[in-house]
């Protein structure tokens, strides 16, 4: 290759290089001034107070990563160094009273509790009754009636009438052999019985009065009104003196017979 040819090639290469740098040279050249707006980065700490615009809050598409911090309006209350001597009662707060738990004994009893006897005593102790009066002789009074047909099946004396000549019996079991006395009623149905002298007021709790018989054919069935059939206990009323002897007057009843009513 001749010198002329080499010179032509060099010129062509120079032209190509110049055209390349003229076309692509701006892309490789650094900017003469920095960009006007810096890159956006989220702040490391959110603002203490959010901005206010005319008393209205504008909603944003994304809430802040941390809620705004507001200092407390009042300083925190610290507990007192010493607790109160008397704590408030629960009823001040509408709560039920609190009772302390019952503590179990520190040491259980060494011996177990004794068991009751397998066979209880056959006879229970009996105490004498209390007598309101001094020792005296016994007298009993009462009244006998005939029930009305209207209330024949009821324990009532409504419409009842007295029975004259009815027989009653006083029986006292204070001795080996029972002491028995009988009496009849007067026109008012009233009877009065004096117990044998072997019976005193201290043995009155062992005496009973029974309804025995009636002379009225249409009213002769004894009823158990006031225990007339099984025997009525004596009720003490008052003391009195008869023939210079002390007595205690007792009452029973009133008693009643059931009538035979027409159907």
C-alpha atoms as a PDB file:
ATOM      1  CA  UNK A   1       0.000   0.000   0.000  1.00  0.00           C
ATOM      2  CA  UNK A   2       1.298   3.355  -0.937  1.00  0.00           C
ATOM      3  CA  UNK A   3       1.747   6.424   1.143  1.00  0.00           C
ATOM      4  CA  UNK A   4      -1.163   8.121  -0.502  1.00  0.00           C
ATOM      5  CA  UNK A   5      -3.502   5.332   0.315  1.00  0.00           C
ATOM      6  CA  UNK A   6      -2.513   5.378   4.014  1.00  0.00           C
ATOM      7  CA  UNK A   7      -3.124   9.064   4.158  1.00  0.00           C
ATOM      8  CA  UNK A   8      -6.623   8.663   2.798  1.00  0.00           C
ATOM      9  CA  UNK A   9      -7.450   6.009   5.405  1.00  0.00           C
ATOM     10  CA  UNK A  10      -6.203   8.205   8.235  1.00  0.00           C
ATOM     11  CA  UNK A  11      -8.347  11.060   7.063  1.00  0.00           C
ATOM     12  CA  UNK A  12     -11.432   8.853   6.926  1.00  0.00           C
ATOM     13  CA  UNK A  13     -10.793   7.529  10.431  1.00  0.00           C
ATOM     14  CA  UNK A  14     -10.434  11.048  11.739  1.00  0.00           C
ATOM     15  CA  UNK A  15     -13.742  12.037  10.163  1.00  0.00           C
ATOM     16  CA  UNK A  16     -15.519   9.034  11.715  1.00  0.00           C
ATOM     17  CA  UNK A  17     -14.139   9.777  15.165  1.00  0.00           C
ATOM     18  CA  UNK A  18     -15.204  13.393  14.971  1.00  0.00           C
ATOM     19  CA  UNK A  19     -18.687  12.480  13.872  1.00  0.00           C
ATOM     20  CA  UNK A  20     -19.009   9.907  16.735  1.00  0.00           C
ATOM     21  CA  UNK A  21     -18.047  12.386  19.431  1.00  0.00           C
ATOM     22  CA  UNK A  22     -20.284  15.009  17.971  1.00  0.00           C
ATOM     23  CA  UNK A  23     -23.331  12.706  18.084  1.00  0.00           C
ATOM     24  CA  UNK A  24     -22.838  10.838  21.412  1.00  0.00           C
ATOM     25  CA  UNK A  25     -20.727  13.286  23.302  1.00  0.00           C
ATOM     26  CA  UNK A  26     -23.687  14.918  25.164  1.00  0.00           C
ATOM     27  CA  UNK A  27     -24.757  11.669  26.803  1.00  0.00           C
ATOM     28  CA  UNK A  28     -21.396  11.145  28.526  1.00  0.00           C
ATOM     29  CA  UNK A  29     -20.934  14.713  29.607  1.00  0.00           C
ATOM     30  CA  UNK A  30     -21.829  15.277  33.376  1.00  0.00           C
ATOM     31  CA  UNK A  31     -24.509  17.904  34.068  1.00  0.00           C
ATOM     32  CA  UNK A  32     -23.216  21.351  34.699  1.00  0.00           C
ATOM     33  CA  UNK A  33     -25.853  22.068  37.478  1.00  0.00           C
ATOM     34  CA  UNK A  34     -27.479  19.724  40.049  1.00  0.00           C
ATOM     35  CA  UNK A  35     -31.197  18.972  39.704  1.00  0.00           C
ATOM     36  CA  UNK A  36     -33.551  21.622  41.060  1.00  0.00           C
ATOM     37  CA  UNK A  37     -35.712  19.213  43.219  1.00  0.00           C
ATOM     38  CA  UNK A  38     -33.877  16.826  45.548  1.00  0.00           C
ATOM     39  CA  UNK A  39     -35.003  13.214  45.781  1.00  0.00           C
ATOM     40  CA  UNK A  40     -37.963  12.638  48.092  1.00  0.00           C
ATOM     41  CA  UNK A  41     -37.181  10.657  51.249  1.00  0.00           C
ATOM     42  CA  UNK A  42     -39.597  10.100  54.174  1.00  0.00           C
ATOM     43  CA  UNK A  43     -38.602  12.075  57.265  1.00  0.00           C
ATOM     44  CA  UNK A  44     -36.927  10.075  59.994  1.00  0.00           C
ATOM     45  CA  UNK A  45     -39.260  11.596  62.644  1.00  0.00           C
ATOM     46  CA  UNK A  46     -42.859  12.705  62.006  1.00  0.00           C
ATOM     47  CA  UNK A  47     -43.798  16.270  62.897  1.00  0.00           C
ATOM     48  CA  UNK A  48     -44.851  16.806  66.506  1.00  0.00           C
ATOM     49  CA  UNK A  49     -48.037  18.652  65.622  1.00  0.00           C
ATOM     50  CA  UNK A  50     -49.928  17.941  62.410  1.00  0.00           C
ATOM     51  CA  UNK A  51     -50.665  20.987  60.277  1.00  0.00           C
ATOM     52  CA  UNK A  52     -54.058  22.633  60.713  1.00  0.00           C
ATOM     53  CA  UNK A  53     -55.871  24.306  57.883  1.00  0.00           C
ATOM     54  CA  UNK A  54     -58.839  26.403  58.890  1.00  0.00           C
ATOM     55  CA  UNK A  55     -59.992  24.016  61.670  1.00  0.00           C
ATOM     56  CA  UNK A  56     -60.444  21.094  59.224  1.00  0.00           C
ATOM     57  CA  UNK A  57     -58.277  18.028  58.872  1.00  0.00           C
ATOM     58  CA  UNK A  58     -57.545  16.845  55.356  1.00  0.00           C
ATOM     59  CA  UNK A  59     -57.451  13.154  54.820  1.00  0.00           C
ATOM     60  CA  UNK A  60     -54.446  11.804  52.991  1.00  0.00           C
ATOM     61  CA  UNK A  61     -54.168   8.647  51.044  1.00  0.00           C
ATOM     62  CA  UNK A  62     -51.657   7.078  53.473  1.00  0.00           C
ATOM     63  CA  UNK A  63     -51.630   7.662  57.257  1.00  0.00           C
ATOM     64  CA  UNK A  64     -48.319   8.584  58.852  1.00  0.00           C
ATOM     65  CA  UNK A  65     -46.166   5.745  60.023  1.00  0.00           C
ATOM     66  CA  UNK A  66     -46.290   7.037  63.646  1.00  0.00           C
ATOM     67  CA  UNK A  67     -49.228   8.811  65.309  1.00  0.00           C
ATOM     68  CA  UNK A  68     -48.624  12.410  66.297  1.00  0.00           C
ATOM     69  CA  UNK A  69     -47.292  12.828  69.816  1.00  0.00           C
ATOM     70  CA  UNK A  70     -49.238  15.168  72.108  1.00  0.00           C
ATOM     71  CA  UNK A  71     -47.814  15.965  75.513  1.00  0.00           C
ATOM     72  CA  UNK A  72     -50.238  15.291  78.416  1.00  0.00           C
ATOM     73  CA  UNK A  73     -52.271  18.265  79.566  1.00  0.00           C
ATOM     74  CA  UNK A  74     -51.573  17.330  83.226  1.00  0.00           C
ATOM     75  CA  UNK A  75     -48.432  15.800  84.629  1.00  0.00           C
ATOM     76  CA  UNK A  76     -48.752  12.125  85.570  1.00  0.00           C
ATOM     77  CA  UNK A  77     -49.901  11.488  89.132  1.00  0.00           C
ATOM     78  CA  UNK A  78     -47.339   9.605  91.096  1.00  0.00           C
ATOM     79  CA  UNK A  79     -48.414   7.256  93.929  1.00  0.00           C
ATOM     80  CA  UNK A  80     -47.811   8.588  97.432  1.00  0.00           C
ATOM     81  CA  UNK A  81     -44.695   7.475  99.140  1.00  0.00           C
ATOM     82  CA  UNK A  82     -46.776   6.095 102.057  1.00  0.00           C
ATOM     83  CA  UNK A  83     -50.082   4.179 101.602  1.00  0.00           C
ATOM     84  CA  UNK A  84     -53.169   5.554 103.415  1.00  0.00           C
ATOM     85  CA  UNK A  85     -53.692   4.329 106.949  1.00  0.00           C
ATOM     86  CA  UNK A  86     -57.310   3.288 106.235  1.00  0.00           C
ATOM     87  CA  UNK A  87     -58.015   2.062 102.691  1.00  0.00           C
ATOM     88  CA  UNK A  88     -61.404   3.025 101.211  1.00  0.00           C
ATOM     89  CA  UNK A  89     -64.251   0.600 101.916  1.00  0.00           C
ATOM     90  CA  UNK A  90     -65.477  -1.389  98.879  1.00  0.00           C
ATOM     91  CA  UNK A  91     -69.043  -0.083  99.272  1.00  0.00           C
ATOM     92  CA  UNK A  92     -67.796   3.399  98.182  1.00  0.00           C
ATOM     93  CA  UNK A  93     -67.329   1.922  94.719  1.00  0.00           C
ATOM     94  CA  UNK A  94     -70.550  -0.085  94.654  1.00  0.00           C
ATOM     95  CA  UNK A  95     -68.731  -3.368  95.306  1.00  0.00           C
ATOM     96  CA  UNK A  96     -69.760  -6.063  97.790  1.00  0.00           C
ATOM     97  CA  UNK A  97     -67.774  -6.183 101.032  1.00  0.00           C
ATOM     98  CA  UNK A  98     -64.656  -8.279 100.932  1.00  0.00           C
ATOM     99  CA  UNK A  99     -64.284 -10.748 103.749  1.00  0.00           C
ATOM    100  CA  UNK A 100     -60.860 -12.098 104.499  1.00  0.00           C
ATOM    101  CA  UNK A 101     -60.478 -15.797 103.787  1.00  0.00           C
ATOM    102  CA  UNK A 102     -60.762 -18.114 106.721  1.00  0.00           C
ATOM    103  CA  UNK A 103     -57.391 -19.549 107.445  1.00  0.00           C
ATOM    104  CA  UNK A 104     -57.117 -23.233 108.138  1.00  0.00           C
ATOM    105  CA  UNK A 105     -55.348 -24.216 111.336  1.00  0.00           C
ATOM    106  CA  UNK A 106     -51.602 -24.446 110.974  1.00  0.00           C
ATOM    107  CA  UNK A 107     -51.542 -27.936 112.427  1.00  0.00           C
ATOM    108  CA  UNK A 108     -54.447 -30.375 112.023  1.00  0.00           C
ATOM    109  CA  UNK A 109     -55.583 -32.193 115.138  1.00  0.00           C
ATOM    110  CA  UNK A 110     -53.481 -35.194 115.862  1.00  0.00           C
ATOM    111  CA  UNK A 111     -56.397 -37.288 117.097  1.00  0.00           C
ATOM    112  CA  UNK A 112     -59.453 -37.730 114.877  1.00  0.00           C
ATOM    113  CA  UNK A 113     -62.809 -36.731 116.367  1.00  0.00           C
ATOM    114  CA  UNK A 114     -64.522 -39.374 118.386  1.00  0.00           C
ATOM    115  CA  UNK A 115     -67.533 -41.108 116.889  1.00  0.00           C
ATOM    116  CA  UNK A 116     -70.869 -41.278 118.668  1.00  0.00           C
ATOM    117  CA  UNK A 117     -71.683 -44.563 120.340  1.00  0.00           C
ATOM    118  CA  UNK A 118     -73.081 -47.210 118.055  1.00  0.00           C
ATOM    119  CA  UNK A 119     -76.024 -47.789 120.383  1.00  0.00           C
ATOM    120  CA  UNK A 120     -77.568 -44.661 121.935  1.00  0.00           C
ATOM    121  CA  UNK A 121     -78.879 -44.908 125.479  1.00  0.00           C
ATOM    122  CA  UNK A 122     -82.256 -46.525 125.672  1.00  0.00           C
ATOM    123  CA  UNK A 123     -83.651 -44.273 128.399  1.00  0.00           C
ATOM    124  CA  UNK A 124     -83.452 -40.509 128.052  1.00  0.00           C
ATOM    125  CA  UNK A 125     -83.312 -38.470 131.250  1.00  0.00           C
ATOM    126  CA  UNK A 126     -86.677 -37.072 132.311  1.00  0.00           C
ATOM    127  CA  UNK A 127     -87.044 -33.915 134.309  1.00  0.00           C
ATOM    128  CA  UNK A 128     -90.037 -33.090 136.501  1.00  0.00           C
ATOM    129  CA  UNK A 129     -92.306 -30.394 135.049  1.00  0.00           C
ATOM    130  CA  UNK A 130     -92.240 -26.899 136.441  1.00  0.00           C
ATOM    131  CA  UNK A 131     -95.291 -26.263 138.651  1.00  0.00           C
ATOM    132  CA  UNK A 132     -96.583 -22.695 138.832  1.00  0.00           C
ATOM    133  CA  UNK A 133     -98.307 -23.325 142.191  1.00  0.00           C
ATOM    134  CA  UNK A 134     -97.386 -25.056 145.461  1.00  0.00           C
ATOM    135  CA  UNK A 135     -98.404 -28.661 145.945  1.00  0.00           C
ATOM    136  CA  UNK A 136    -102.222 -28.713 146.057  1.00  0.00           C
ATOM    137  CA  UNK A 137    -105.177 -30.957 145.350  1.00  0.00           C
ATOM    138  CA  UNK A 138    -106.714 -31.150 141.869  1.00  0.00           C
ATOM    139  CA  UNK A 139    -110.117 -30.010 140.579  1.00  0.00           C
ATOM    140  CA  UNK A 140    -111.201 -29.931 136.914  1.00  0.00           C
ATOM    141  CA  UNK A 141    -114.019 -28.133 135.109  1.00  0.00           C
ATOM    142  CA  UNK A 142    -115.343 -28.025 131.519  1.00  0.00           C
ATOM    143  CA  UNK A 143    -118.396 -27.862 129.215  1.00  0.00           C
ATOM    144  CA  UNK A 144    -119.956 -30.438 126.844  1.00  0.00           C
ATOM    145  CA  UNK A 145    -121.886 -29.521 123.679  1.00  0.00           C
ATOM    146  CA  UNK A 146    -123.859 -31.158 120.847  1.00  0.00           C
ATOM    147  CA  UNK A 147    -122.733 -30.011 117.412  1.00  0.00           C
ATOM    148  CA  UNK A 148    -125.162 -28.530 114.913  1.00  0.00           C
ATOM    149  CA  UNK A 149    -126.165 -30.692 111.935  1.00  0.00           C
ATOM    150  CA  UNK A 150    -124.939 -27.880 109.675  1.00  0.00           C
ATOM    151  CA  UNK A 151    -121.351 -28.236 110.980  1.00  0.00           C
ATOM    152  CA  UNK A 152    -121.381 -31.891 112.028  1.00  0.00           C
ATOM    153  CA  UNK A 153    -118.192 -32.769 110.139  1.00  0.00           C
ATOM    154  CA  UNK A 154    -116.182 -29.725 111.210  1.00  0.00           C
ATOM    155  CA  UNK A 155    -114.149 -28.878 114.312  1.00  0.00           C
ATOM    156  CA  UNK A 156    -116.325 -25.956 115.338  1.00  0.00           C
ATOM    157  CA  UNK A 157    -119.027 -25.170 117.879  1.00  0.00           C
ATOM    158  CA  UNK A 158    -121.011 -22.829 115.628  1.00  0.00           C
ATOM    159  CA  UNK A 159    -124.690 -23.490 116.265  1.00  0.00           C
ATOM    160  CA  UNK A 160    -123.866 -26.035 119.028  1.00  0.00           C
ATOM    161  CA  UNK A 161    -126.071 -26.508 122.109  1.00  0.00           C
ATOM    162  CA  UNK A 162    -125.078 -27.693 125.645  1.00  0.00           C
ATOM    163  CA  UNK A 163    -125.780 -31.308 126.642  1.00  0.00           C
ATOM    164  CA  UNK A 164    -127.334 -31.940 130.059  1.00  0.00           C
ATOM    165  CA  UNK A 165    -126.553 -35.209 131.863  1.00  0.00           C
ATOM    166  CA  UNK A 166    -123.454 -36.087 129.727  1.00  0.00           C
ATOM    167  CA  UNK A 167    -120.822 -38.230 131.484  1.00  0.00           C
ATOM    168  CA  UNK A 168    -117.101 -37.368 131.592  1.00  0.00           C
ATOM    169  CA  UNK A 169    -114.216 -39.240 133.255  1.00  0.00           C
ATOM    170  CA  UNK A 170    -111.043 -38.014 134.979  1.00  0.00           C
ATOM    171  CA  UNK A 171    -108.232 -40.594 135.012  1.00  0.00           C
ATOM    172  CA  UNK A 172    -104.825 -40.065 136.695  1.00  0.00           C
ATOM    173  CA  UNK A 173    -102.022 -42.605 136.280  1.00  0.00           C
ATOM    174  CA  UNK A 174     -99.650 -41.364 138.984  1.00  0.00           C
ATOM    175  CA  UNK A 175     -99.894 -44.593 141.042  1.00  0.00           C
ATOM    176  CA  UNK A 176     -99.803 -48.309 140.369  1.00  0.00           C
ATOM    177  CA  UNK A 177    -103.563 -48.360 139.977  1.00  0.00           C
ATOM    178  CA  UNK A 178    -105.197 -45.510 138.026  1.00  0.00           C
ATOM    179  CA  UNK A 179    -107.326 -43.101 140.019  1.00  0.00           C
ATOM    180  CA  UNK A 180    -110.675 -42.537 138.273  1.00  0.00           C
ATOM    181  CA  UNK A 181    -113.509 -40.089 138.977  1.00  0.00           C
ATOM    182  CA  UNK A 182    -116.630 -39.410 136.886  1.00  0.00           C
ATOM    183  CA  UNK A 183    -119.104 -36.531 136.743  1.00  0.00           C
ATOM    184  CA  UNK A 184    -122.246 -35.453 134.881  1.00  0.00           C
ATOM    185  CA  UNK A 185    -123.021 -32.134 133.258  1.00  0.00           C
ATOM    186  CA  UNK A 186    -125.769 -29.750 134.395  1.00  0.00           C
ATOM    187  CA  UNK A 187    -128.352 -28.048 132.186  1.00  0.00           C
ATOM    188  CA  UNK A 188    -125.660 -25.695 130.868  1.00  0.00           C
ATOM    189  CA  UNK A 189    -123.391 -28.605 129.923  1.00  0.00           C
ATOM    190  CA  UNK A 190    -120.984 -27.689 132.751  1.00  0.00           C
ATOM    191  CA  UNK A 191    -119.157 -30.293 134.838  1.00  0.00           C
ATOM    192  CA  UNK A 192    -116.849 -30.139 137.859  1.00  0.00           C
ATOM    193  CA  UNK A 193    -114.678 -33.043 139.101  1.00  0.00           C
ATOM    194  CA  UNK A 194    -112.514 -33.289 142.220  1.00  0.00           C
ATOM    195  CA  UNK A 195    -109.641 -35.743 141.914  1.00  0.00           C
ATOM    196  CA  UNK A 196    -108.945 -38.283 144.699  1.00  0.00           C
ATOM    197  CA  UNK A 197    -106.750 -37.027 147.533  1.00  0.00           C
ATOM    198  CA  UNK A 198    -103.986 -39.324 146.295  1.00  0.00           C
ATOM    199  CA  UNK A 199    -103.518 -36.958 143.348  1.00  0.00           C
ATOM    200  CA  UNK A 200    -101.807 -33.606 143.792  1.00  0.00           C
ATOM    201  CA  UNK A 201    -100.919 -30.805 141.400  1.00  0.00           C
ATOM    202  CA  UNK A 202     -97.397 -32.231 141.053  1.00  0.00           C
ATOM    203  CA  UNK A 203     -98.939 -35.249 139.268  1.00  0.00           C
ATOM    204  CA  UNK A 204    -101.472 -33.298 137.188  1.00  0.00           C
ATOM    205  CA  UNK A 205     -99.476 -33.936 133.991  1.00  0.00           C
ATOM    206  CA  UNK A 206    -100.447 -37.626 134.358  1.00  0.00           C
ATOM    207  CA  UNK A 207    -104.179 -36.854 134.358  1.00  0.00           C
ATOM    208  CA  UNK A 208    -106.594 -36.740 131.403  1.00  0.00           C
ATOM    209  CA  UNK A 209    -110.347 -36.159 130.952  1.00  0.00           C
ATOM    210  CA  UNK A 210    -112.417 -38.267 128.512  1.00  0.00           C
ATOM    211  CA  UNK A 211    -115.876 -37.757 126.987  1.00  0.00           C
ATOM    212  CA  UNK A 212    -117.916 -40.885 127.801  1.00  0.00           C
ATOM    213  CA  UNK A 213    -121.644 -40.757 126.987  1.00  0.00           C
ATOM    214  CA  UNK A 214    -124.686 -38.572 126.324  1.00  0.00           C
ATOM    215  CA  UNK A 215    -128.332 -39.134 127.338  1.00  0.00           C
ATOM    216  CA  UNK A 216    -129.559 -37.505 124.122  1.00  0.00           C
ATOM    217  CA  UNK A 217    -130.301 -40.226 121.536  1.00  0.00           C
ATOM    218  CA  UNK A 218    -129.894 -37.894 118.556  1.00  0.00           C
ATOM    219  CA  UNK A 219    -126.501 -36.627 119.819  1.00  0.00           C
ATOM    220  CA  UNK A 220    -124.632 -39.483 121.452  1.00  0.00           C
ATOM    221  CA  UNK A 221    -121.523 -40.062 119.305  1.00  0.00           C
ATOM    222  CA  UNK A 222    -118.414 -38.663 121.099  1.00  0.00           C
ATOM    223  CA  UNK A 223    -116.128 -36.625 118.826  1.00  0.00           C
ATOM    224  CA  UNK A 224    -112.414 -36.030 119.263  1.00  0.00           C
ATOM    225  CA  UNK A 225    -112.939 -32.278 119.337  1.00  0.00           C
ATOM    226  CA  UNK A 226    -110.275 -30.928 121.787  1.00  0.00           C
ATOM    227  CA  UNK A 227    -109.102 -34.529 122.377  1.00  0.00           C
ATOM    228  CA  UNK A 228    -112.405 -35.659 123.899  1.00  0.00           C
ATOM    229  CA  UNK A 229    -111.848 -39.271 122.734  1.00  0.00           C
ATOM    230  CA  UNK A 230    -108.122 -39.809 123.329  1.00  0.00           C
ATOM    231  CA  UNK A 231    -108.072 -37.732 126.517  1.00  0.00           C
ATOM    232  CA  UNK A 232    -107.476 -34.035 127.101  1.00  0.00           C
ATOM    233  CA  UNK A 233    -104.561 -32.818 129.258  1.00  0.00           C
ATOM    234  CA  UNK A 234    -105.249 -30.448 132.143  1.00  0.00           C
ATOM    235  CA  UNK A 235    -104.598 -26.720 131.809  1.00  0.00           C
ATOM    236  CA  UNK A 236    -103.895 -24.902 135.110  1.00  0.00           C
ATOM    237  CA  UNK A 237    -106.080 -21.861 135.748  1.00  0.00           C
ATOM    238  CA  UNK A 238    -105.870 -20.606 139.349  1.00  0.00           C
ATOM    239  CA  UNK A 239    -105.441 -21.769 142.971  1.00  0.00           C
ATOM    240  CA  UNK A 240    -108.306 -21.671 145.488  1.00  0.00           C
ATOM    241  CA  UNK A 241    -109.172 -22.972 148.932  1.00  0.00           C
ATOM    242  CA  UNK A 242    -112.101 -25.331 149.694  1.00  0.00           C
ATOM    243  CA  UNK A 243    -112.795 -26.742 153.212  1.00  0.00           C
ATOM    244  CA  UNK A 244    -109.478 -25.216 154.319  1.00  0.00           C
ATOM    245  CA  UNK A 245    -107.607 -27.301 151.733  1.00  0.00           C
ATOM    246  CA  UNK A 246    -105.493 -25.861 148.910  1.00  0.00           C
ATOM    247  CA  UNK A 247    -106.654 -26.698 145.389  1.00  0.00           C
ATOM    248  CA  UNK A 248    -105.617 -25.839 141.872  1.00  0.00           C
ATOM    249  CA  UNK A 249    -108.441 -25.472 139.361  1.00  0.00           C
ATOM    250  CA  UNK A 250    -107.745 -26.950 135.907  1.00  0.00           C
ATOM    251  CA  UNK A 251    -109.790 -26.749 132.692  1.00  0.00           C
ATOM    252  CA  UNK A 252    -110.282 -29.073 129.700  1.00  0.00           C
ATOM    253  CA  UNK A 253    -112.299 -29.035 126.457  1.00  0.00           C
ATOM    254  CA  UNK A 254    -114.838 -27.880 125.580  1.00  0.00           C
ATOM    255  CA  UNK A 255    -116.008 -31.268 124.347  1.00  0.00           C
ATOM    256  CA  UNK A 256    -118.709 -32.092 121.782  1.00  0.00           C
ATOM    257  CA  UNK A 257    -120.879 -34.956 120.572  1.00  0.00           C
ATOM    258  CA  UNK A 258    -121.658 -35.489 116.866  1.00  0.00           C
ATOM    259  CA  UNK A 259    -125.427 -35.394 116.103  1.00  0.00           C
ATOM    260  CA  UNK A 260    -127.444 -37.907 114.143  1.00  0.00           C
ATOM    261  CA  UNK A 261    -128.866 -35.705 111.382  1.00  0.00           C
ATOM    262  CA  UNK A 262    -131.788 -36.545 109.032  1.00  0.00           C
ATOM    263  CA  UNK A 263    -130.830 -37.176 105.424  1.00  0.00           C
END
